[in-house]
N, C-alpha and C. Protein backbone atom coordinates (compact mmCIF):
# COMPACT_ATOMS: atom_id res chain seq x y z
N MET A 1 129.07 18.12 70.65
CA MET A 1 130.18 18.78 70.00
C MET A 1 131.47 18.12 70.43
N MET A 2 132.33 17.88 69.48
CA MET A 2 133.63 17.32 69.75
C MET A 2 134.68 18.27 69.17
N LYS A 3 135.63 18.73 70.02
CA LYS A 3 136.71 19.58 69.53
C LYS A 3 137.91 18.70 69.35
N THR A 4 138.38 18.62 68.12
CA THR A 4 139.43 17.67 67.82
C THR A 4 140.17 18.01 66.53
N ASN A 5 141.26 17.42 66.36
CA ASN A 5 141.92 17.41 65.05
C ASN A 5 142.06 15.96 64.59
N THR A 6 141.32 15.06 65.28
CA THR A 6 141.24 13.66 64.86
C THR A 6 139.87 13.41 64.23
N LEU A 7 139.82 12.47 63.35
CA LEU A 7 138.59 12.23 62.60
C LEU A 7 137.60 11.39 63.37
N PRO A 8 136.33 11.84 63.41
CA PRO A 8 135.31 10.96 63.94
C PRO A 8 135.08 9.81 62.98
N GLU A 9 134.55 8.72 63.44
CA GLU A 9 134.29 7.55 62.62
C GLU A 9 133.29 7.82 61.50
N THR A 10 132.42 8.83 61.72
CA THR A 10 131.38 9.16 60.72
C THR A 10 131.94 9.97 59.56
N PHE A 11 133.19 10.41 59.62
CA PHE A 11 133.79 11.20 58.55
C PHE A 11 134.51 10.27 57.58
N PRO A 12 134.63 10.72 56.29
CA PRO A 12 135.34 9.88 55.33
C PRO A 12 136.81 9.71 55.74
N PRO A 13 137.39 8.54 55.48
CA PRO A 13 138.83 8.35 55.80
C PRO A 13 139.65 9.40 55.06
N GLY A 14 140.64 9.96 55.74
CA GLY A 14 141.51 10.93 55.13
C GLY A 14 140.89 12.33 55.00
N PHE A 15 139.80 12.57 55.69
CA PHE A 15 139.14 13.89 55.63
C PHE A 15 140.17 14.98 55.90
N LEU A 16 140.16 15.99 55.03
CA LEU A 16 141.07 17.13 55.16
C LEU A 16 140.35 18.39 54.76
N LEU A 17 140.58 19.43 55.49
CA LEU A 17 139.98 20.74 55.21
C LEU A 17 141.04 21.78 55.50
N THR A 18 141.13 22.82 54.70
CA THR A 18 142.11 23.86 54.89
C THR A 18 141.44 25.23 54.83
N ILE A 19 141.91 26.17 55.63
CA ILE A 19 141.49 27.55 55.50
C ILE A 19 142.73 28.40 55.34
N THR A 20 142.74 29.29 54.36
CA THR A 20 143.92 30.12 54.11
C THR A 20 144.08 31.18 55.19
N ASP A 21 145.23 31.83 55.16
CA ASP A 21 145.46 32.95 56.10
C ASP A 21 144.40 34.04 55.91
N LYS A 22 144.07 34.36 54.66
CA LYS A 22 143.03 35.39 54.41
C LYS A 22 141.67 34.94 54.92
N GLY A 23 141.34 33.69 54.72
CA GLY A 23 140.06 33.16 55.22
C GLY A 23 139.99 33.19 56.73
N ALA A 24 141.07 32.75 57.39
CA ALA A 24 141.12 32.75 58.86
C ALA A 24 141.04 34.18 59.38
N ALA A 25 141.73 35.11 58.72
CA ALA A 25 141.71 36.52 59.16
C ALA A 25 140.30 37.09 59.06
N ARG A 26 139.57 36.74 58.01
CA ARG A 26 138.21 37.24 57.86
C ARG A 26 137.28 36.69 58.95
N VAL A 27 137.44 35.44 59.30
CA VAL A 27 136.64 34.85 60.36
C VAL A 27 136.94 35.58 61.67
N ALA A 28 138.24 35.78 61.97
CA ALA A 28 138.63 36.50 63.19
C ALA A 28 138.10 37.90 63.22
N GLU A 29 138.11 38.56 62.05
CA GLU A 29 137.58 39.94 61.96
C GLU A 29 136.09 39.97 62.28
N VAL A 30 135.32 39.04 61.74
CA VAL A 30 133.87 39.01 61.99
C VAL A 30 133.62 38.69 63.46
N ILE A 31 134.36 37.74 64.04
CA ILE A 31 134.18 37.39 65.44
C ILE A 31 134.46 38.62 66.32
N GLY A 32 135.50 39.35 66.02
CA GLY A 32 135.81 40.55 66.79
C GLY A 32 134.80 41.65 66.57
N GLN A 33 134.39 41.87 65.33
CA GLN A 33 133.41 42.92 65.01
C GLN A 33 132.10 42.73 65.76
N TYR A 34 131.64 41.49 65.85
CA TYR A 34 130.35 41.21 66.48
C TYR A 34 130.51 40.75 67.94
N LYS A 35 131.76 40.81 68.45
CA LYS A 35 132.05 40.44 69.83
C LYS A 35 131.47 39.06 70.18
N LEU A 36 131.75 38.11 69.31
CA LEU A 36 131.26 36.75 69.49
C LEU A 36 132.09 36.04 70.57
N PRO A 37 131.58 35.02 71.23
CA PRO A 37 132.28 34.34 72.30
C PRO A 37 133.54 33.61 71.78
N GLU A 38 134.40 33.26 72.74
CA GLU A 38 135.65 32.63 72.42
C GLU A 38 135.53 31.36 71.55
N GLY A 39 134.48 30.58 71.71
CA GLY A 39 134.33 29.35 70.95
C GLY A 39 133.75 29.53 69.56
N ALA A 40 133.51 30.77 69.15
CA ALA A 40 132.91 31.04 67.84
C ALA A 40 133.83 30.54 66.73
N GLY A 41 133.27 30.29 65.57
CA GLY A 41 134.07 29.84 64.45
C GLY A 41 133.30 29.85 63.14
N LEU A 42 133.83 29.18 62.15
CA LEU A 42 133.22 29.12 60.83
C LEU A 42 132.53 27.78 60.63
N ARG A 43 131.23 27.82 60.34
CA ARG A 43 130.50 26.63 59.98
C ARG A 43 130.73 26.38 58.51
N ALA A 44 131.29 25.23 58.19
CA ALA A 44 131.59 24.88 56.79
C ALA A 44 130.76 23.65 56.47
N GLY A 45 129.69 23.84 55.71
CA GLY A 45 128.82 22.70 55.43
C GLY A 45 128.23 22.76 54.06
N VAL A 46 127.31 21.82 53.83
CA VAL A 46 126.67 21.65 52.54
C VAL A 46 125.21 21.37 52.80
N THR A 47 124.34 21.93 51.96
CA THR A 47 122.91 21.64 51.99
C THR A 47 122.52 21.20 50.59
N GLU A 48 121.47 20.40 50.48
CA GLU A 48 120.98 20.03 49.17
C GLU A 48 120.18 21.15 48.57
N GLY A 49 120.34 21.37 47.27
CA GLY A 49 119.60 22.43 46.58
C GLY A 49 120.49 23.24 45.67
N GLY A 50 119.99 24.37 45.25
CA GLY A 50 120.76 25.21 44.35
C GLY A 50 120.66 24.74 42.92
N CYS A 51 121.17 25.52 42.02
CA CYS A 51 121.06 25.18 40.57
C CYS A 51 121.95 24.03 40.19
N SER A 52 122.93 23.65 41.03
CA SER A 52 123.83 22.55 40.67
C SER A 52 123.67 21.32 41.55
N GLY A 53 122.77 21.35 42.54
CA GLY A 53 122.51 20.18 43.34
C GLY A 53 122.88 20.30 44.80
N LEU A 54 124.02 20.95 45.10
CA LEU A 54 124.45 21.15 46.44
C LEU A 54 124.86 22.62 46.63
N ASN A 55 124.60 23.16 47.80
CA ASN A 55 125.00 24.51 48.14
C ASN A 55 126.01 24.51 49.27
N TYR A 56 127.00 25.39 49.20
CA TYR A 56 127.87 25.59 50.35
C TYR A 56 127.06 26.34 51.37
N ASP A 57 127.17 25.92 52.63
CA ASP A 57 126.51 26.59 53.73
C ASP A 57 127.62 27.02 54.69
N VAL A 58 128.00 28.27 54.56
CA VAL A 58 129.15 28.76 55.31
C VAL A 58 128.70 30.01 56.06
N GLU A 59 128.96 30.03 57.37
CA GLU A 59 128.63 31.21 58.18
C GLU A 59 129.52 31.24 59.43
N VAL A 60 129.78 32.43 59.90
CA VAL A 60 130.44 32.60 61.17
C VAL A 60 129.37 32.40 62.23
N ALA A 61 129.61 31.46 63.15
CA ALA A 61 128.61 31.10 64.16
C ALA A 61 129.21 31.20 65.57
N GLU A 62 128.34 31.46 66.51
CA GLU A 62 128.78 31.59 67.91
C GLU A 62 129.25 30.27 68.50
N GLU A 63 128.63 29.19 68.08
CA GLU A 63 129.00 27.88 68.61
C GLU A 63 128.60 26.80 67.61
N PRO A 64 129.17 25.62 67.74
CA PRO A 64 128.81 24.53 66.83
C PRO A 64 127.43 23.96 67.19
N ASN A 65 126.80 23.37 66.22
CA ASN A 65 125.59 22.61 66.48
C ASN A 65 125.96 21.31 67.14
N PRO A 66 125.02 20.65 67.82
CA PRO A 66 125.39 19.40 68.54
C PRO A 66 125.93 18.30 67.62
N ASP A 67 125.56 18.28 66.34
CA ASP A 67 126.03 17.23 65.45
C ASP A 67 127.33 17.57 64.71
N GLU A 68 127.98 18.67 65.08
CA GLU A 68 129.19 19.11 64.40
C GLU A 68 130.45 18.81 65.19
N THR A 69 131.50 18.52 64.46
CA THR A 69 132.82 18.36 65.04
C THR A 69 133.59 19.66 64.82
N VAL A 70 134.37 20.06 65.82
CA VAL A 70 135.14 21.30 65.74
C VAL A 70 136.57 20.95 65.46
N PHE A 71 137.07 21.47 64.33
CA PHE A 71 138.48 21.36 63.98
C PHE A 71 139.13 22.72 64.17
N VAL A 72 140.33 22.73 64.70
CA VAL A 72 141.07 23.97 64.83
C VAL A 72 142.09 24.02 63.72
N LEU A 73 141.84 24.89 62.72
CA LEU A 73 142.68 24.99 61.54
C LEU A 73 143.15 26.39 61.38
N ASN A 74 144.44 26.62 61.27
CA ASN A 74 145.00 27.94 61.09
C ASN A 74 144.49 28.91 62.17
N GLY A 75 144.38 28.39 63.40
CA GLY A 75 143.92 29.20 64.54
C GLY A 75 142.44 29.48 64.54
N THR A 76 141.67 28.81 63.70
CA THR A 76 140.24 29.08 63.55
C THR A 76 139.43 27.83 63.85
N ASN A 77 138.36 27.98 64.64
CA ASN A 77 137.43 26.89 64.86
C ASN A 77 136.59 26.71 63.58
N ILE A 78 136.58 25.51 63.06
CA ILE A 78 135.78 25.16 61.90
C ILE A 78 134.78 24.08 62.34
N PHE A 79 133.49 24.33 62.11
CA PHE A 79 132.44 23.41 62.50
C PHE A 79 131.96 22.62 61.29
N VAL A 80 132.03 21.31 61.35
CA VAL A 80 131.67 20.44 60.21
C VAL A 80 130.79 19.29 60.70
N ASN A 81 129.73 19.00 59.95
CA ASN A 81 128.91 17.85 60.30
C ASN A 81 129.26 16.68 59.33
N ALA A 82 128.87 15.47 59.73
CA ALA A 82 129.23 14.27 58.95
C ALA A 82 128.64 14.28 57.57
N PHE A 83 127.42 14.75 57.36
CA PHE A 83 126.83 14.82 56.04
C PHE A 83 127.69 15.66 55.10
N SER A 84 128.12 16.80 55.56
CA SER A 84 128.91 17.73 54.74
C SER A 84 130.32 17.22 54.48
N ALA A 85 130.87 16.50 55.44
CA ALA A 85 132.28 16.04 55.34
C ALA A 85 132.55 15.28 54.04
N GLN A 86 131.61 14.46 53.62
CA GLN A 86 131.83 13.65 52.41
C GLN A 86 131.95 14.51 51.16
N TYR A 87 131.39 15.72 51.18
CA TYR A 87 131.40 16.58 50.00
C TYR A 87 132.51 17.64 50.04
N ILE A 88 133.05 17.91 51.23
CA ILE A 88 134.03 18.99 51.32
C ILE A 88 135.41 18.52 51.71
N SER A 89 135.63 17.21 51.82
CA SER A 89 136.95 16.71 52.15
C SER A 89 137.96 17.11 51.07
N GLY A 90 139.04 17.73 51.52
CA GLY A 90 140.05 18.19 50.58
C GLY A 90 139.87 19.65 50.19
N MET A 91 138.79 20.28 50.61
CA MET A 91 138.49 21.64 50.21
C MET A 91 139.37 22.68 50.94
N THR A 92 139.68 23.74 50.21
CA THR A 92 140.33 24.91 50.77
C THR A 92 139.38 26.08 50.79
N ILE A 93 139.26 26.71 51.92
CA ILE A 93 138.40 27.90 52.08
C ILE A 93 139.28 29.13 52.06
N ASP A 94 138.97 30.05 51.20
CA ASP A 94 139.75 31.30 51.08
C ASP A 94 138.78 32.49 51.18
N TRP A 95 139.31 33.65 51.26
CA TRP A 95 138.52 34.89 51.28
C TRP A 95 139.02 35.78 50.19
N THR A 96 138.12 36.37 49.41
CA THR A 96 138.50 37.32 48.39
C THR A 96 137.71 38.61 48.60
N SER A 97 138.34 39.70 48.34
CA SER A 97 137.66 40.99 48.48
C SER A 97 138.18 41.90 47.36
N SER A 98 137.20 42.48 46.62
CA SER A 98 137.54 43.39 45.52
C SER A 98 136.49 44.47 45.47
N MET A 99 136.59 45.36 44.52
CA MET A 99 135.59 46.42 44.37
C MET A 99 134.22 45.84 44.04
N GLN A 100 134.19 44.68 43.38
CA GLN A 100 132.92 44.07 42.95
C GLN A 100 132.28 43.18 44.02
N GLU A 101 133.11 42.48 44.78
CA GLU A 101 132.55 41.52 45.74
C GLU A 101 133.54 41.16 46.84
N SER A 102 133.00 40.72 47.95
CA SER A 102 133.77 40.14 49.05
C SER A 102 133.05 38.89 49.45
N ARG A 103 133.79 37.74 49.48
CA ARG A 103 133.13 36.48 49.81
C ARG A 103 134.17 35.40 50.08
N PHE A 104 133.67 34.35 50.70
CA PHE A 104 134.49 33.15 50.83
C PHE A 104 134.52 32.43 49.50
N VAL A 105 135.66 31.86 49.18
CA VAL A 105 135.85 31.12 47.93
C VAL A 105 136.23 29.70 48.29
N PHE A 106 135.68 28.75 47.56
CA PHE A 106 135.89 27.32 47.85
C PHE A 106 136.62 26.63 46.72
N ASN A 107 137.74 26.06 47.02
CA ASN A 107 138.48 25.25 46.04
C ASN A 107 138.20 23.79 46.49
N ASN A 108 137.23 23.18 45.85
CA ASN A 108 136.75 21.86 46.27
C ASN A 108 137.07 20.81 45.19
N PRO A 109 137.99 19.92 45.49
CA PRO A 109 138.36 18.87 44.50
C PRO A 109 137.24 17.89 44.23
N ASN A 110 136.19 17.86 45.03
CA ASN A 110 135.06 16.97 44.83
C ASN A 110 134.05 17.52 43.83
N ALA A 111 134.08 18.81 43.61
CA ALA A 111 133.12 19.45 42.71
C ALA A 111 133.47 19.12 41.26
N THR A 112 132.49 18.63 40.53
CA THR A 112 132.68 18.31 39.12
C THR A 112 132.01 19.34 38.23
N GLY A 113 131.30 20.24 38.84
CA GLY A 113 130.61 21.31 38.10
C GLY A 113 130.07 22.29 39.12
N GLY A 114 129.61 23.43 38.61
CA GLY A 114 129.07 24.45 39.51
C GLY A 114 128.38 25.54 38.77
N CYS A 115 127.85 26.47 39.50
CA CYS A 115 127.16 27.59 38.88
C CYS A 115 128.09 28.81 38.90
N GLY A 116 127.70 29.85 38.25
CA GLY A 116 128.51 31.05 38.15
C GLY A 116 128.74 31.76 39.44
N CYS A 117 127.83 31.63 40.42
CA CYS A 117 127.95 32.37 41.67
C CYS A 117 128.99 31.72 42.59
N GLY A 118 129.35 30.47 42.38
CA GLY A 118 130.34 29.81 43.24
C GLY A 118 129.76 29.22 44.52
N VAL A 119 128.45 29.25 44.67
CA VAL A 119 127.84 28.78 45.89
C VAL A 119 127.22 27.40 45.71
N SER A 120 126.89 27.02 44.51
CA SER A 120 126.27 25.74 44.22
C SER A 120 127.20 24.88 43.38
N PHE A 121 127.22 23.57 43.65
CA PHE A 121 128.14 22.70 42.94
C PHE A 121 127.53 21.32 42.77
N THR A 122 128.18 20.54 41.89
CA THR A 122 127.79 19.18 41.58
C THR A 122 128.95 18.26 41.91
N VAL A 123 128.66 17.04 42.33
CA VAL A 123 129.68 16.00 42.57
C VAL A 123 129.32 14.80 41.69
N LYS A 124 130.32 13.90 41.53
CA LYS A 124 130.09 12.68 40.77
C LYS A 124 129.04 11.79 41.42
């Protein structure tokens, strides 16, 4: 695990990730609710699969996996691995809550298509 705001060599040049105030507040709320340790944060990743080819893999986690880099963004630890970095560079993570649903929302400039649920996406 590397805690940094500098890019590892395995990440794409110019890698950038943002979490909104609402997104950061939701992560802090979950960490507090479940009394997670101080190093807890949001895992922001991608897995292959889903109806569009790639799935967002986002969860509040107690600690990063050994292959993840920790970025501190908007007061929140964000855990990212090198495989995911190429697909989420430039992405903004937000939180939405309404009578119908509550979920993280991803504004990903790399996505060229997606499914209706907002969890699966396609890239060029």
